């Protein structure tokens, strides 16, 4: 089944799964990371018709893979032990984007490294140009995915998880493709770099906010405030003192999304 024919929930599952697995080295791409219990949604892309393409340029990494209907592109997020990633995250100066507005200089630098090879891979995986293209990423990879999507205009859409702010209002107004942005409870990364009233940086996309209980909720200021307190209290009871960091884990995004029903509510887990 083509990705476009899947439910909102199942699109979220396959793209959050790819955003999780893209942290693996190529030989382990189809070896489940911790917290992943089912790789079958991704395995239909294995060697059909081409093996996944791995891109690694000066520490900036991405994967491109396809089947007969779709091409999936995933940008890898921040590795705390990789100096290159940390430098990109910290370089919050803004620069002009070629299409308009201003964007985060560090994120743009990482995008520039991978985009030539992503385009080459896309030509191989979508020779006739008839396949739907989907872009995803987590953390730094989510920021890179926004910039990749702005370049490619993916016909399927853009899905990001725990993505930091990438550009200003003028840049975001140029987005003309489906864009879904998942935020898990108190995840600290979507709150940086600073917005300064939306004048410096801002978010866009259809927000799918995951609350303390793992359910999709409308993120009103009151909802975020009370839910943030609930999340911090729940974390303290488990002796997790930095809830905003814990909530950023891509495995938590995947686990919540994969256990939702079609209405964004958590289902009873086996054995619970």
Protein backbone atom coordinates (compact mmCIF):
# COMPACT_ATOMS: atom_id res chain seq x y z
CA UNK A 1 0.00 0.00 0.00
CA UNK A 2 1.29 3.47 -0.91
CA UNK A 3 2.11 5.77 2.01
CA UNK A 4 -0.48 8.29 0.76
CA UNK A 5 -3.19 5.63 1.21
CA UNK A 6 -2.33 5.10 4.88
CA UNK A 7 -4.22 6.68 7.77
CA UNK A 8 -2.80 9.72 9.55
CA UNK A 9 -1.68 7.40 12.36
CA UNK A 10 0.05 4.95 10.01
CA UNK A 11 1.83 7.71 8.12
CA UNK A 12 3.12 8.90 11.50
CA UNK A 13 4.26 5.37 12.36
CA UNK A 14 6.28 4.76 9.21
CA UNK A 15 7.92 8.19 9.18
CA UNK A 16 8.69 8.21 12.92
CA UNK A 17 10.12 4.72 12.49
CA UNK A 18 12.42 5.90 9.69
CA UNK A 19 13.42 8.98 11.72
CA UNK A 20 14.36 6.58 14.56
CA UNK A 21 16.21 4.00 12.50
CA UNK A 22 18.20 6.58 10.53
CA UNK A 23 20.45 6.92 13.58
CA UNK A 24 21.77 3.46 12.68
CA UNK A 25 24.79 2.84 10.49
CA UNK A 26 23.90 1.32 7.09
CA UNK A 27 24.56 -2.29 8.04
CA UNK A 28 22.17 -1.91 11.01
CA UNK A 29 19.45 0.17 9.33
CA UNK A 30 17.06 -2.75 9.58
CA UNK A 31 18.18 -3.80 13.05
CA UNK A 32 15.65 -2.42 15.52
CA UNK A 33 16.87 0.27 17.87
CA UNK A 34 15.92 0.09 21.54
CA UNK A 35 12.17 0.51 21.99
CA UNK A 36 11.31 -0.54 18.42
CA UNK A 37 9.21 -3.69 18.30
CA UNK A 38 8.22 -3.90 14.62
CA UNK A 39 10.26 -2.95 11.57
CA UNK A 40 7.84 -4.41 9.03
CA UNK A 41 6.50 -1.01 7.84
CA UNK A 42 10.04 -0.11 6.72
CA UNK A 43 11.12 -3.50 5.38
CA UNK A 44 8.91 -3.14 2.32
CA UNK A 45 11.43 -0.51 1.16
CA UNK A 46 14.41 -2.88 1.39
CA UNK A 47 15.97 -3.37 -2.07
CA UNK A 48 12.71 -2.48 -3.87
CA UNK A 49 13.86 -1.59 -6.47
CA UNK A 50 17.13 -0.23 -5.06
CA UNK A 51 18.87 -0.66 -1.72
CA UNK A 52 18.67 2.34 0.62
CA UNK A 53 21.14 5.12 -0.19
CA UNK A 54 23.26 6.30 2.75
CA UNK A 55 24.71 9.80 2.66
CA UNK A 56 27.46 10.94 5.04
CA UNK A 57 29.26 14.20 4.33
CA UNK A 58 31.48 15.61 7.07
CA UNK A 59 29.21 14.22 9.79
CA UNK A 60 25.90 15.30 8.20
CA UNK A 61 23.90 12.18 7.38
CA UNK A 62 20.74 11.13 5.58
CA UNK A 63 19.09 8.09 4.02
CA UNK A 64 17.00 7.78 0.86
CA UNK A 65 14.96 4.66 0.13
CA UNK A 66 12.03 3.74 -2.07
CA UNK A 67 9.53 1.19 -3.29
CA UNK A 68 7.33 1.29 -6.40
CA UNK A 69 5.10 4.07 -5.03
CA UNK A 70 7.13 6.25 -2.65
CA UNK A 71 10.53 7.72 -1.86
CA UNK A 72 11.38 8.31 1.81
CA UNK A 73 14.14 10.70 2.88
CA UNK A 74 15.32 10.87 6.49
CA UNK A 75 17.87 13.29 7.93
CA UNK A 76 19.73 12.11 11.02
CA UNK A 77 19.48 14.12 14.22
CA UNK A 78 22.03 15.30 16.76
CA UNK A 79 24.55 12.84 18.13
CA UNK A 80 25.72 14.39 21.43
CA UNK A 81 29.17 12.84 20.98
CA UNK A 82 29.60 14.34 17.47
CA UNK A 83 31.33 17.73 17.70
CA UNK A 84 30.06 18.66 14.24
CA UNK A 85 26.43 18.26 15.37
CA UNK A 86 26.93 20.26 18.54
CA UNK A 87 28.59 23.09 16.60
CA UNK A 88 25.67 23.17 14.14
CA UNK A 89 23.15 23.36 16.99
CA UNK A 90 25.02 26.20 18.70
CA UNK A 91 25.51 28.33 15.59
CA UNK A 92 22.25 30.27 15.99
CA UNK A 93 23.20 33.25 13.80
CA UNK A 94 20.74 33.83 10.96
CA UNK A 95 21.47 33.98 7.25
CA UNK A 96 19.36 34.77 4.18
CA UNK A 97 17.62 31.78 2.56
CA UNK A 98 17.82 31.70 -1.27
CA UNK A 99 14.02 31.69 -1.57
CA UNK A 100 13.43 34.39 1.03
CA UNK A 101 13.48 35.08 4.74
CA UNK A 102 16.22 34.10 7.14
CA UNK A 103 17.25 30.73 8.58
CA UNK A 104 19.53 29.23 11.22
CA UNK A 105 23.09 29.31 9.88
CA UNK A 106 24.19 26.08 11.58
CA UNK A 107 21.23 24.06 10.29
CA UNK A 108 21.66 25.47 6.79
CA UNK A 109 25.30 24.42 6.80
CA UNK A 110 24.33 20.81 7.56
CA UNK A 111 21.62 20.88 4.87
CA UNK A 112 24.13 22.16 2.30
CA UNK A 113 26.37 19.16 2.93
CA UNK A 114 23.73 16.53 2.16
CA UNK A 115 21.39 18.11 -0.40
CA UNK A 116 23.55 17.45 -3.51
CA UNK A 117 23.73 13.72 -2.76
CA UNK A 118 20.06 13.60 -1.74
CA UNK A 119 19.15 15.00 -5.16
CA UNK A 120 21.40 12.46 -6.92
CA UNK A 121 19.81 9.63 -4.93
CA UNK A 122 16.33 10.96 -5.66
CA UNK A 123 17.04 10.82 -9.39
CA UNK A 124 17.93 7.13 -9.04
CA UNK A 125 15.02 6.23 -6.76
CA UNK A 126 12.44 8.21 -8.73
CA UNK A 127 13.64 8.07 -12.34
CA UNK A 128 10.21 8.74 -13.86
CA UNK A 129 9.30 11.37 -11.27
CA UNK A 130 5.99 9.62 -10.55
CA UNK A 131 6.57 8.57 -6.95
CA UNK A 132 5.41 10.49 -3.90
CA UNK A 133 8.29 11.98 -1.91
CA UNK A 134 8.25 12.14 1.90
CA UNK A 135 10.85 13.85 4.11
CA UNK A 136 11.33 13.30 7.85
CA UNK A 137 13.78 13.89 10.67
CA UNK A 138 14.24 14.23 14.42
CA UNK A 139 16.00 17.02 16.33
CA UNK A 140 18.77 18.50 14.15
CA UNK A 141 17.56 16.06 11.49
CA UNK A 142 14.13 17.68 11.69
CA UNK A 143 15.65 21.11 11.08
CA UNK A 144 17.62 19.73 8.13
CA UNK A 145 14.44 18.05 6.86
CA UNK A 146 12.64 21.42 6.78
CA UNK A 147 15.38 22.86 4.57
CA UNK A 148 15.52 19.75 2.37
CA UNK A 149 11.74 19.90 1.95
CA UNK A 150 11.86 23.60 1.08
CA UNK A 151 14.24 22.64 -1.73
CA UNK A 152 12.45 19.50 -2.97
CA UNK A 153 8.79 20.49 -2.34
CA UNK A 154 7.88 16.90 -1.36
CA UNK A 155 4.59 15.78 -2.91
CA UNK A 156 3.90 13.51 0.06
CA UNK A 157 4.91 15.89 2.81
CA UNK A 158 7.28 16.72 5.64
CA UNK A 159 7.12 15.07 9.10
CA UNK A 160 9.38 16.28 11.91
CA UNK A 161 9.79 15.12 15.50
CA UNK A 162 11.28 17.28 18.27
CA UNK A 163 12.39 19.81 15.68
CA UNK A 164 14.00 23.12 16.73
CA UNK A 165 12.96 26.40 15.12
CA UNK A 166 14.57 26.87 11.70
CA UNK A 167 13.64 30.28 10.28
CA UNK A 168 11.69 33.48 10.59
CA UNK A 169 8.14 34.33 9.50
CA UNK A 170 9.19 35.43 6.01
CA UNK A 171 10.87 32.06 5.42
CA UNK A 172 7.99 30.02 6.81
CA UNK A 173 5.45 31.80 4.61
CA UNK A 174 7.13 30.12 1.62
CA UNK A 175 6.21 26.60 2.75
CA UNK A 176 3.72 25.20 0.24
CA UNK A 177 3.69 21.47 0.99
CA UNK A 178 2.05 19.31 3.71
CA UNK A 179 4.01 19.72 6.94
CA UNK A 180 3.33 17.90 10.25
CA UNK A 181 5.35 18.75 13.34
CA UNK A 182 5.22 16.41 16.36
CA UNK A 183 6.17 17.68 19.83
CA UNK A 184 6.33 15.34 22.83
CA UNK A 185 5.14 17.00 26.06
CA UNK A 186 8.06 18.90 27.64
CA UNK A 187 10.62 18.26 24.89
CA UNK A 188 12.99 21.22 25.27
CA UNK A 189 14.40 21.24 21.73
CA UNK A 190 11.33 22.72 19.96
CA UNK A 191 11.67 25.75 22.27
CA UNK A 192 15.06 26.72 20.79
CA UNK A 193 16.49 28.85 19.33
CA UNK A 194 14.55 31.68 20.99
CA UNK A 195 11.53 33.04 19.16
CA UNK A 196 11.69 36.59 20.60
CA UNK A 197 8.02 37.15 19.93
CA UNK A 198 8.26 35.38 16.59
CA UNK A 199 10.56 38.08 15.21
CA UNK A 200 13.78 36.05 15.42
CA UNK A 201 12.62 32.47 14.88
CA UNK A 202 9.20 30.85 14.61
CA UNK A 203 7.55 27.46 14.11
CA UNK A 204 5.14 26.43 11.38
CA UNK A 205 3.43 23.24 10.24
CA UNK A 206 0.41 21.41 11.61
CA UNK A 207 1.33 20.79 15.25
CA UNK A 208 0.59 17.32 16.60
CA UNK A 209 1.22 17.79 20.32
CA UNK A 210 1.64 14.62 22.41
CA UNK A 211 0.59 15.13 26.03
CA UNK A 212 1.83 13.45 29.22
CA UNK A 213 -0.38 10.42 28.58
CA UNK A 214 0.79 10.01 24.99
CA UNK A 215 -2.40 11.41 23.43
CA UNK A 216 -2.63 13.99 20.66
CA UNK A 217 -4.15 17.20 22.03
CA UNK A 218 -4.76 20.74 20.84
CA UNK A 219 -1.82 22.69 22.24
CA UNK A 220 -3.54 25.71 23.77
CA UNK A 221 -1.41 27.75 26.23
CA UNK A 222 -3.45 26.37 29.16
CA UNK A 223 -3.14 22.79 27.88
CA UNK A 224 0.62 23.15 27.52
CA UNK A 225 0.98 24.75 30.97
CA UNK A 226 -0.99 22.17 32.95
CA UNK A 227 0.31 19.27 30.91
CA UNK A 228 3.87 20.51 31.35
CA UNK A 229 3.42 20.42 35.12
CA UNK A 230 1.94 16.92 34.92
CA UNK A 231 4.88 15.74 32.84
CA UNK A 232 7.48 17.19 35.20
CA UNK A 233 5.76 15.70 38.24
CA UNK A 234 5.53 12.27 36.58
CA UNK A 235 9.23 12.48 35.69
CA UNK A 236 10.24 13.47 39.23
CA UNK A 237 8.38 10.45 40.64
CA UNK A 238 10.64 8.30 38.43
CA UNK A 239 13.72 10.31 39.52
CA UNK A 240 14.08 11.86 36.06
CA UNK A 241 15.19 15.38 36.88
CA UNK A 242 15.51 16.78 33.36
CA UNK A 243 12.14 15.94 31.83
CA UNK A 244 12.67 18.20 28.81
CA UNK A 245 15.69 16.16 27.74
CA UNK A 246 14.05 12.79 28.35
CA UNK A 247 10.97 13.80 26.33
CA UNK A 248 13.21 14.55 23.36
CA UNK A 249 14.14 10.90 22.82
CA UNK A 250 13.02 9.72 19.36
CA UNK A 251 12.13 6.33 20.84
CA UNK A 252 9.42 8.01 22.96
CA UNK A 253 7.96 9.72 19.91
CA UNK A 254 7.78 6.42 18.06
CA UNK A 255 6.36 4.49 21.01
CA UNK A 256 3.55 7.03 21.55
CA UNK A 257 2.69 7.29 17.85
CA UNK A 258 2.77 3.54 17.22
CA UNK A 259 0.39 2.88 20.13
CA UNK A 260 -2.22 5.50 19.15
CA UNK A 261 -5.60 4.74 17.66
CA UNK A 262 -6.82 6.68 14.64
CA UNK A 263 -8.06 9.47 16.94
CA UNK A 264 -4.64 10.01 18.53
CA UNK A 265 -5.53 8.27 21.80
CA UNK A 266 -3.27 5.71 23.46
CA UNK A 267 -4.51 2.14 23.27
CA UNK A 268 -4.18 -0.39 26.05
CA UNK A 269 -0.80 -2.03 25.72
CA UNK A 270 -0.41 -5.77 25.68
CA UNK A 271 0.05 -7.04 29.19
CA UNK A 272 -1.29 -3.85 30.76
